[in-house]
Amino acid sequence: MKGITLAGALGLIFLSTSPHAQQARDFGDYVVHYNALNTDLLSPQVAQQYGIRRSPSRAMLNVTVLRKESDGPGNAMLASVAGRAKNLTGQIRKIEFREIEESSDAIYYIGELSVRNMETFDFTVEVKPRDTAEVFTVKFRQQFYTE
């Protein structure tokens, strides 16, 4: 399993979790795919390869930006990604994203934060593809389970 990619690992996770595991928002010429999951769902090999700390009390946000193409699913785009998470008591956490570029076809932005059992977060993620001045905002709510 040495050569497993983040794309492959996340693909397996998307297939094995609920239908809402991966979401996408359409912004005209772009589609922003995003998901959040506990890092203990990653294999130890993938977590180590990408420097992600595996733990049921750690969550990972994954964002991918695609420019739509008429003949396929789209091309992965470089982007600036920033985010924050607000729990139901109003505490706000800034999320730092780092870029993972496996190839020109696979570019991911990964951010991590600590979570507690049954903690719910309202996420706001701002995405600016590098070839446009537009900034796209994605908002979603997710509850995490650590036990």
N, C-alpha and C. Protein backbone atom coordinates (compact mmCIF):
# COMPACT_ATOMS: atom_id res chain seq x y z
N MET A 1 0.82 -1.19 0.00
CA MET A 1 0.00 0.00 0.00
C MET A 1 0.87 1.25 0.00
N LYS A 2 2.11 1.11 -0.30
CA LYS A 2 3.06 2.20 -0.25
C LYS A 2 2.70 3.36 -1.17
N GLY A 3 2.19 3.07 -2.35
CA GLY A 3 1.93 4.11 -3.33
C GLY A 3 0.53 4.69 -3.29
N ILE A 4 -0.24 4.41 -2.27
CA ILE A 4 -1.60 4.91 -2.20
C ILE A 4 -1.61 6.43 -2.15
N THR A 5 -2.53 7.02 -2.87
CA THR A 5 -2.62 8.48 -2.90
C THR A 5 -3.75 8.95 -2.00
N LEU A 6 -3.73 10.23 -1.71
CA LEU A 6 -4.81 10.82 -0.93
C LEU A 6 -6.12 10.71 -1.71
N ALA A 7 -6.04 10.88 -3.02
CA ALA A 7 -7.25 10.77 -3.86
C ALA A 7 -7.87 9.39 -3.71
N GLY A 8 -7.04 8.35 -3.78
CA GLY A 8 -7.55 7.00 -3.63
C GLY A 8 -8.13 6.74 -2.26
N ALA A 9 -7.45 7.21 -1.23
CA ALA A 9 -7.93 7.01 0.13
C ALA A 9 -9.23 7.74 0.36
N LEU A 10 -9.30 8.98 -0.08
CA LEU A 10 -10.53 9.74 0.11
C LEU A 10 -11.67 9.18 -0.72
N GLY A 11 -11.35 8.67 -1.91
CA GLY A 11 -12.37 8.04 -2.73
C GLY A 11 -13.00 6.85 -2.03
N LEU A 12 -12.17 6.03 -1.39
CA LEU A 12 -12.69 4.89 -0.64
C LEU A 12 -13.54 5.34 0.54
N ILE A 13 -13.11 6.40 1.21
CA ILE A 13 -13.89 6.92 2.33
C ILE A 13 -15.23 7.44 1.85
N PHE A 14 -15.25 8.17 0.72
CA PHE A 14 -16.50 8.70 0.20
C PHE A 14 -17.48 7.59 -0.12
N LEU A 15 -16.96 6.48 -0.65
CA LEU A 15 -17.83 5.37 -1.01
C LEU A 15 -18.36 4.63 0.21
N SER A 16 -17.61 4.67 1.31
CA SER A 16 -17.99 3.86 2.47
C SER A 16 -18.74 4.64 3.54
N THR A 17 -18.92 5.95 3.36
CA THR A 17 -19.63 6.73 4.37
C THR A 17 -20.98 7.17 3.83
N SER A 18 -21.65 7.99 4.57
CA SER A 18 -23.01 8.41 4.21
C SER A 18 -23.03 9.14 2.87
N PRO A 19 -24.22 9.28 2.27
CA PRO A 19 -24.31 9.97 1.00
C PRO A 19 -23.89 11.43 1.09
N HIS A 20 -23.83 11.99 2.29
CA HIS A 20 -23.45 13.39 2.45
C HIS A 20 -21.96 13.54 2.76
N ALA A 21 -21.18 12.48 2.61
CA ALA A 21 -19.77 12.54 2.96
C ALA A 21 -19.02 13.55 2.10
N GLN A 22 -19.37 13.65 0.85
CA GLN A 22 -18.75 14.63 -0.01
C GLN A 22 -19.84 15.51 -0.59
N GLN A 23 -19.63 16.81 -0.49
CA GLN A 23 -20.58 17.73 -1.07
C GLN A 23 -19.88 18.55 -2.14
N ALA A 24 -20.67 19.20 -2.97
CA ALA A 24 -20.11 20.06 -4.01
C ALA A 24 -21.04 21.26 -4.20
N ARG A 25 -20.44 22.38 -4.54
CA ARG A 25 -21.20 23.59 -4.87
C ARG A 25 -20.76 24.05 -6.25
N ASP A 26 -21.73 24.40 -7.06
CA ASP A 26 -21.49 24.87 -8.41
C ASP A 26 -21.41 26.39 -8.41
N PHE A 27 -20.34 26.93 -8.99
CA PHE A 27 -20.16 28.38 -9.08
C PHE A 27 -19.91 28.76 -10.54
N GLY A 28 -20.81 28.40 -11.44
CA GLY A 28 -20.65 28.76 -12.84
C GLY A 28 -19.59 27.93 -13.52
N ASP A 29 -18.41 28.52 -13.77
CA ASP A 29 -17.32 27.80 -14.44
C ASP A 29 -16.56 26.88 -13.50
N TYR A 30 -16.87 26.92 -12.21
CA TYR A 30 -16.12 26.16 -11.21
C TYR A 30 -17.05 25.32 -10.36
N VAL A 31 -16.50 24.22 -9.86
CA VAL A 31 -17.19 23.39 -8.87
C VAL A 31 -16.23 23.22 -7.70
N VAL A 32 -16.72 23.49 -6.50
CA VAL A 32 -15.93 23.30 -5.29
C VAL A 32 -16.46 22.07 -4.57
N HIS A 33 -15.61 21.05 -4.45
CA HIS A 33 -15.94 19.83 -3.70
C HIS A 33 -15.35 19.98 -2.31
N TYR A 34 -16.10 19.54 -1.30
CA TYR A 34 -15.61 19.67 0.07
C TYR A 34 -16.18 18.54 0.92
N ASN A 35 -15.44 18.19 1.95
CA ASN A 35 -15.95 17.24 2.93
C ASN A 35 -15.16 17.40 4.21
N ALA A 36 -15.73 16.88 5.27
CA ALA A 36 -15.07 16.89 6.59
C ALA A 36 -15.27 15.52 7.19
N LEU A 37 -14.21 15.01 7.82
CA LEU A 37 -14.29 13.68 8.43
C LEU A 37 -13.27 13.56 9.54
N ASN A 38 -13.51 12.62 10.42
CA ASN A 38 -12.54 12.33 11.50
C ASN A 38 -11.30 11.72 10.86
N THR A 39 -10.12 12.13 11.33
CA THR A 39 -8.88 11.67 10.72
C THR A 39 -8.58 10.21 11.00
N ASP A 40 -9.23 9.61 12.00
CA ASP A 40 -8.98 8.19 12.25
C ASP A 40 -9.59 7.31 11.16
N LEU A 41 -10.37 7.89 10.25
CA LEU A 41 -10.89 7.13 9.12
C LEU A 41 -9.84 6.93 8.03
N LEU A 42 -8.76 7.71 8.08
CA LEU A 42 -7.66 7.54 7.13
C LEU A 42 -6.80 6.35 7.55
N SER A 43 -6.23 5.69 6.58
CA SER A 43 -5.31 4.61 6.93
C SER A 43 -4.05 5.21 7.54
N PRO A 44 -3.35 4.47 8.38
CA PRO A 44 -2.09 4.98 8.95
C PRO A 44 -1.09 5.39 7.87
N GLN A 45 -1.05 4.65 6.78
CA GLN A 45 -0.10 4.95 5.70
C GLN A 45 -0.40 6.30 5.05
N VAL A 46 -1.67 6.53 4.75
CA VAL A 46 -2.06 7.80 4.11
C VAL A 46 -1.83 8.96 5.07
N ALA A 47 -2.22 8.79 6.32
CA ALA A 47 -2.01 9.86 7.30
C ALA A 47 -0.54 10.21 7.42
N GLN A 48 0.31 9.20 7.49
CA GLN A 48 1.74 9.44 7.61
C GLN A 48 2.29 10.12 6.36
N GLN A 49 1.88 9.65 5.20
CA GLN A 49 2.37 10.20 3.93
C GLN A 49 2.06 11.70 3.81
N TYR A 50 0.91 12.13 4.33
CA TYR A 50 0.50 13.52 4.18
C TYR A 50 0.61 14.34 5.48
N GLY A 51 1.21 13.77 6.49
CA GLY A 51 1.43 14.51 7.72
C GLY A 51 0.16 14.86 8.46
N ILE A 52 -0.80 13.95 8.45
CA ILE A 52 -2.08 14.16 9.12
C ILE A 52 -2.11 13.32 10.38
N ARG A 53 -2.43 13.94 11.51
CA ARG A 53 -2.48 13.21 12.78
C ARG A 53 -3.81 12.46 12.88
N ARG A 54 -3.73 11.14 12.97
CA ARG A 54 -4.92 10.29 13.07
C ARG A 54 -5.44 10.31 14.50
N SER A 55 -6.73 10.61 14.65
CA SER A 55 -7.35 10.59 15.97
C SER A 55 -8.85 10.76 15.79
N PRO A 56 -9.65 10.08 16.62
CA PRO A 56 -11.09 10.31 16.54
C PRO A 56 -11.46 11.74 16.96
N SER A 57 -10.58 12.42 17.69
CA SER A 57 -10.87 13.79 18.12
C SER A 57 -10.22 14.84 17.22
N ARG A 58 -9.82 14.43 16.02
CA ARG A 58 -9.29 15.36 15.00
C ARG A 58 -10.16 15.24 13.76
N ALA A 59 -10.49 16.37 13.17
CA ALA A 59 -11.25 16.38 11.94
C ALA A 59 -10.40 17.00 10.84
N MET A 60 -10.65 16.56 9.63
CA MET A 60 -9.94 17.06 8.47
C MET A 60 -10.96 17.59 7.48
N LEU A 61 -10.71 18.79 6.97
CA LEU A 61 -11.50 19.33 5.87
C LEU A 61 -10.69 19.16 4.60
N ASN A 62 -11.35 18.72 3.56
CA ASN A 62 -10.71 18.51 2.27
C ASN A 62 -11.49 19.33 1.24
N VAL A 63 -10.78 20.19 0.50
CA VAL A 63 -11.41 21.05 -0.51
C VAL A 63 -10.68 20.84 -1.83
N THR A 64 -11.43 20.70 -2.90
CA THR A 64 -10.88 20.60 -4.24
C THR A 64 -11.66 21.55 -5.13
N VAL A 65 -10.95 22.25 -6.02
CA VAL A 65 -11.58 23.19 -6.94
C VAL A 65 -11.37 22.68 -8.36
N LEU A 66 -12.46 22.55 -9.10
CA LEU A 66 -12.39 22.09 -10.48
C LEU A 66 -12.95 23.17 -11.41
N ARG A 67 -12.26 23.41 -12.51
CA ARG A 67 -12.80 24.26 -13.57
C ARG A 67 -13.56 23.33 -14.51
N LYS A 68 -14.81 23.65 -14.78
CA LYS A 68 -15.64 22.79 -15.62
C LYS A 68 -15.07 22.70 -17.03
N GLU A 69 -15.20 21.52 -17.60
CA GLU A 69 -14.82 21.27 -18.98
C GLU A 69 -16.01 20.63 -19.67
N SER A 70 -16.22 20.94 -20.93
CA SER A 70 -17.38 20.41 -21.65
C SER A 70 -17.28 18.91 -21.90
N ASP A 71 -16.05 18.39 -21.92
CA ASP A 71 -15.87 16.98 -22.26
C ASP A 71 -15.50 16.08 -21.09
N GLY A 72 -15.69 16.57 -19.86
CA GLY A 72 -15.32 15.72 -18.72
C GLY A 72 -15.66 16.38 -17.40
N PRO A 73 -15.15 15.79 -16.31
CA PRO A 73 -15.51 16.27 -14.97
C PRO A 73 -14.86 17.59 -14.59
N GLY A 74 -13.82 18.02 -15.27
CA GLY A 74 -13.18 19.28 -14.94
C GLY A 74 -11.72 19.11 -14.60
N ASN A 75 -11.01 20.23 -14.61
CA ASN A 75 -9.59 20.23 -14.31
C ASN A 75 -9.36 20.79 -12.91
N ALA A 76 -8.48 20.14 -12.15
CA ALA A 76 -8.13 20.62 -10.82
C ALA A 76 -7.46 21.98 -10.94
N MET A 77 -7.79 22.90 -10.05
CA MET A 77 -7.28 24.26 -10.10
C MET A 77 -6.51 24.60 -8.83
N LEU A 78 -5.45 25.37 -8.99
CA LEU A 78 -4.77 25.95 -7.85
C LEU A 78 -5.67 27.06 -7.30
N ALA A 79 -5.68 27.22 -5.99
CA ALA A 79 -6.57 28.21 -5.38
C ALA A 79 -6.00 28.66 -4.04
N SER A 80 -6.54 29.76 -3.56
CA SER A 80 -6.30 30.18 -2.18
C SER A 80 -7.53 29.73 -1.40
N VAL A 81 -7.31 29.06 -0.27
CA VAL A 81 -8.42 28.53 0.52
C VAL A 81 -8.24 28.96 1.97
N ALA A 82 -9.28 29.52 2.54
CA ALA A 82 -9.27 29.93 3.95
C ALA A 82 -10.58 29.49 4.58
N GLY A 83 -10.55 29.21 5.87
CA GLY A 83 -11.78 28.75 6.49
C GLY A 83 -11.82 29.00 7.98
N ARG A 84 -13.03 28.86 8.49
CA ARG A 84 -13.24 28.97 9.94
C ARG A 84 -14.40 28.05 10.31
N ALA A 85 -14.37 27.64 11.56
CA ALA A 85 -15.41 26.77 12.10
C ALA A 85 -15.95 27.42 13.36
N LYS A 86 -17.26 27.45 13.49
CA LYS A 86 -17.89 28.03 14.66
C LYS A 86 -18.77 26.95 15.29
N ASN A 87 -18.50 26.64 16.58
CA ASN A 87 -19.34 25.62 17.22
C ASN A 87 -20.62 26.27 17.75
N LEU A 88 -21.50 25.48 18.31
CA LEU A 88 -22.82 25.98 18.71
C LEU A 88 -22.77 26.90 19.93
N THR A 89 -21.63 26.94 20.63
CA THR A 89 -21.50 27.90 21.74
C THR A 89 -20.88 29.21 21.27
N GLY A 90 -20.59 29.30 19.96
CA GLY A 90 -20.08 30.54 19.39
C GLY A 90 -18.57 30.64 19.32
N GLN A 91 -17.85 29.60 19.73
CA GLN A 91 -16.39 29.63 19.64
C GLN A 91 -15.99 29.48 18.18
N ILE A 92 -15.06 30.35 17.75
CA ILE A 92 -14.61 30.34 16.36
C ILE A 92 -13.18 29.86 16.29
N ARG A 93 -12.93 28.96 15.35
CA ARG A 93 -11.58 28.45 15.12
C ARG A 93 -11.20 28.73 13.67
N LYS A 94 -10.07 29.36 13.50
CA LYS A 94 -9.54 29.58 12.15
C LYS A 94 -8.91 28.28 11.68
N ILE A 95 -9.14 27.94 10.42
CA ILE A 95 -8.59 26.71 9.86
C ILE A 95 -7.56 27.09 8.80
N GLU A 96 -6.35 26.62 9.01
CA GLU A 96 -5.26 26.83 8.05
C GLU A 96 -5.28 25.66 7.07
N PHE A 97 -5.30 25.96 5.79
CA PHE A 97 -5.27 24.92 4.76
C PHE A 97 -3.89 24.84 4.15
N ARG A 98 -3.51 23.63 3.80
CA ARG A 98 -2.25 23.45 3.07
C ARG A 98 -2.57 22.72 1.77
N GLU A 99 -1.78 23.05 0.78
CA GLU A 99 -1.98 22.50 -0.55
C GLU A 99 -1.25 21.17 -0.71
N ILE A 100 -1.95 20.21 -1.27
CA ILE A 100 -1.34 18.93 -1.63
C ILE A 100 -1.58 18.74 -3.12
N GLU A 101 -0.50 18.73 -3.88
CA GLU A 101 -0.60 18.56 -5.32
C GLU A 101 0.04 17.24 -5.69
N GLU A 102 -0.80 16.25 -5.97
CA GLU A 102 -0.30 14.93 -6.36
C GLU A 102 0.05 14.90 -7.83
N SER A 103 -0.68 15.66 -8.62
CA SER A 103 -0.45 15.79 -10.06
C SER A 103 -1.27 16.98 -10.51
N SER A 104 -1.18 17.31 -11.80
CA SER A 104 -1.99 18.42 -12.30
C SER A 104 -3.48 18.08 -12.26
N ASP A 105 -3.80 16.79 -12.12
CA ASP A 105 -5.19 16.35 -12.05
C ASP A 105 -5.70 16.19 -10.63
N ALA A 106 -4.83 16.30 -9.64
CA ALA A 106 -5.23 16.04 -8.25
C ALA A 106 -4.58 17.07 -7.34
N ILE A 107 -5.34 18.11 -7.00
CA ILE A 107 -4.88 19.16 -6.09
C ILE A 107 -5.91 19.26 -4.97
N TYR A 108 -5.44 19.16 -3.74
CA TYR A 108 -6.31 19.18 -2.56
C TYR A 108 -5.85 20.26 -1.61
N TYR A 109 -6.79 20.76 -0.83
CA TYR A 109 -6.49 21.70 0.25
C TYR A 109 -7.02 21.07 1.53
N ILE A 110 -6.10 20.82 2.46
CA ILE A 110 -6.42 20.09 3.69
C ILE A 110 -6.26 21.02 4.88
N GLY A 111 -7.26 21.03 5.75
CA GLY A 111 -7.20 21.76 7.02
C GLY A 111 -7.64 20.83 8.13
N GLU A 112 -7.10 21.03 9.34
CA GLU A 112 -7.44 20.17 10.47
C GLU A 112 -7.88 20.99 11.67
N LEU A 113 -8.69 20.37 12.52
CA LEU A 113 -9.07 20.98 13.79
C LEU A 113 -9.45 19.89 14.78
N SER A 114 -9.39 20.23 16.05
CA SER A 114 -9.80 19.28 17.08
C SER A 114 -11.31 19.36 17.26
N VAL A 115 -11.91 18.20 17.60
CA VAL A 115 -13.36 18.11 17.79
C VAL A 115 -13.65 17.28 19.04
N ARG A 116 -14.84 17.49 19.58
CA ARG A 116 -15.32 16.69 20.72
C ARG A 116 -16.51 15.86 20.27
N ASN A 117 -16.82 14.84 21.07
CA ASN A 117 -17.94 13.98 20.72
C ASN A 117 -19.24 14.78 20.63
N MET A 118 -19.94 14.60 19.54
CA MET A 118 -21.22 15.23 19.23
C MET A 118 -21.12 16.74 19.05
N GLU A 119 -19.92 17.26 18.83
CA GLU A 119 -19.75 18.69 18.60
C GLU A 119 -20.16 19.02 17.16
N THR A 120 -20.92 20.09 17.03
CA THR A 120 -21.40 20.54 15.73
C THR A 120 -20.70 21.83 15.36
N PHE A 121 -20.28 21.92 14.11
CA PHE A 121 -19.61 23.12 13.62
C PHE A 121 -20.33 23.66 12.39
N ASP A 122 -20.40 24.99 12.32
CA ASP A 122 -20.80 25.68 11.11
C ASP A 122 -19.50 26.12 10.43
N PHE A 123 -19.24 25.57 9.25
CA PHE A 123 -18.02 25.87 8.52
C PHE A 123 -18.28 26.93 7.47
N THR A 124 -17.32 27.83 7.33
CA THR A 124 -17.30 28.80 6.24
C THR A 124 -15.95 28.67 5.57
N VAL A 125 -15.97 28.34 4.28
CA VAL A 125 -14.73 28.16 3.52
C VAL A 125 -14.77 29.11 2.34
N GLU A 126 -13.72 29.92 2.21
CA GLU A 126 -13.62 30.85 1.09
C GLU A 126 -12.55 30.35 0.13
N VAL A 127 -12.93 30.26 -1.14
CA VAL A 127 -12.07 29.70 -2.17
C VAL A 127 -11.91 30.71 -3.29
N LYS A 128 -10.65 30.99 -3.65
CA LYS A 128 -10.36 31.88 -4.76
C LYS A 128 -9.45 31.16 -5.75
N PRO A 129 -10.02 30.65 -6.86
CA PRO A 129 -9.17 30.03 -7.87
C PRO A 129 -8.13 31.05 -8.35
N ARG A 130 -6.92 30.59 -8.63
CA ARG A 130 -5.83 31.51 -8.97
C ARG A 130 -6.00 32.19 -10.32
N ASP A 131 -6.90 31.69 -11.17
CA ASP A 131 -7.06 32.31 -12.48
C ASP A 131 -8.27 33.25 -12.55
N THR A 132 -8.80 33.65 -11.39
CA THR A 132 -9.94 34.56 -11.37
C THR A 132 -9.86 35.46 -10.14
N ALA A 133 -10.57 36.57 -10.20
CA ALA A 133 -10.64 37.47 -9.05
C ALA A 133 -11.81 37.11 -8.14
N GLU A 134 -12.65 36.21 -8.59
CA GLU A 134 -13.83 35.83 -7.81
C GLU A 134 -13.46 35.00 -6.58
N VAL A 135 -14.21 35.21 -5.50
CA VAL A 135 -14.07 34.40 -4.29
C VAL A 135 -15.40 33.70 -4.07
N PHE A 136 -15.34 32.39 -3.89
CA PHE A 136 -16.53 31.58 -3.68
C PHE A 136 -16.61 31.18 -2.21
N THR A 137 -17.79 31.29 -1.63
CA THR A 137 -17.98 30.93 -0.23
C THR A 137 -18.87 29.70 -0.12
N VAL A 138 -18.38 28.72 0.62
CA VAL A 138 -19.12 27.49 0.89
C VAL A 138 -19.41 27.46 2.38
N LYS A 139 -20.67 27.24 2.75
CA LYS A 139 -21.06 27.12 4.16
C LYS A 139 -21.76 25.79 4.34
N PHE A 140 -21.41 25.12 5.43
CA PHE A 140 -22.09 23.87 5.74
C PHE A 140 -21.96 23.59 7.23
N ARG A 141 -22.83 22.73 7.72
CA ARG A 141 -22.85 22.33 9.13
C ARG A 141 -22.56 20.83 9.21
N GLN A 142 -21.75 20.45 10.21
CA GLN A 142 -21.48 19.04 10.40
C GLN A 142 -21.26 18.74 11.88
N GLN A 143 -21.78 17.59 12.28
CA GLN A 143 -21.58 17.10 13.65
C GLN A 143 -20.56 15.97 13.60
N PHE A 144 -19.71 15.91 14.63
CA PHE A 144 -18.66 14.90 14.68
C PHE A 144 -18.88 13.98 15.88
N TYR A 145 -18.48 12.74 15.73
CA TYR A 145 -18.59 11.73 16.77
C TYR A 145 -17.21 11.17 17.02
N THR A 146 -16.81 11.14 18.27
CA THR A 146 -15.47 10.67 18.61
C THR A 146 -15.49 9.38 19.40
N GLU A 147 -16.65 8.93 19.80
CA GLU A 147 -16.76 7.70 20.63
C GLU A 147 -17.48 6.62 19.86
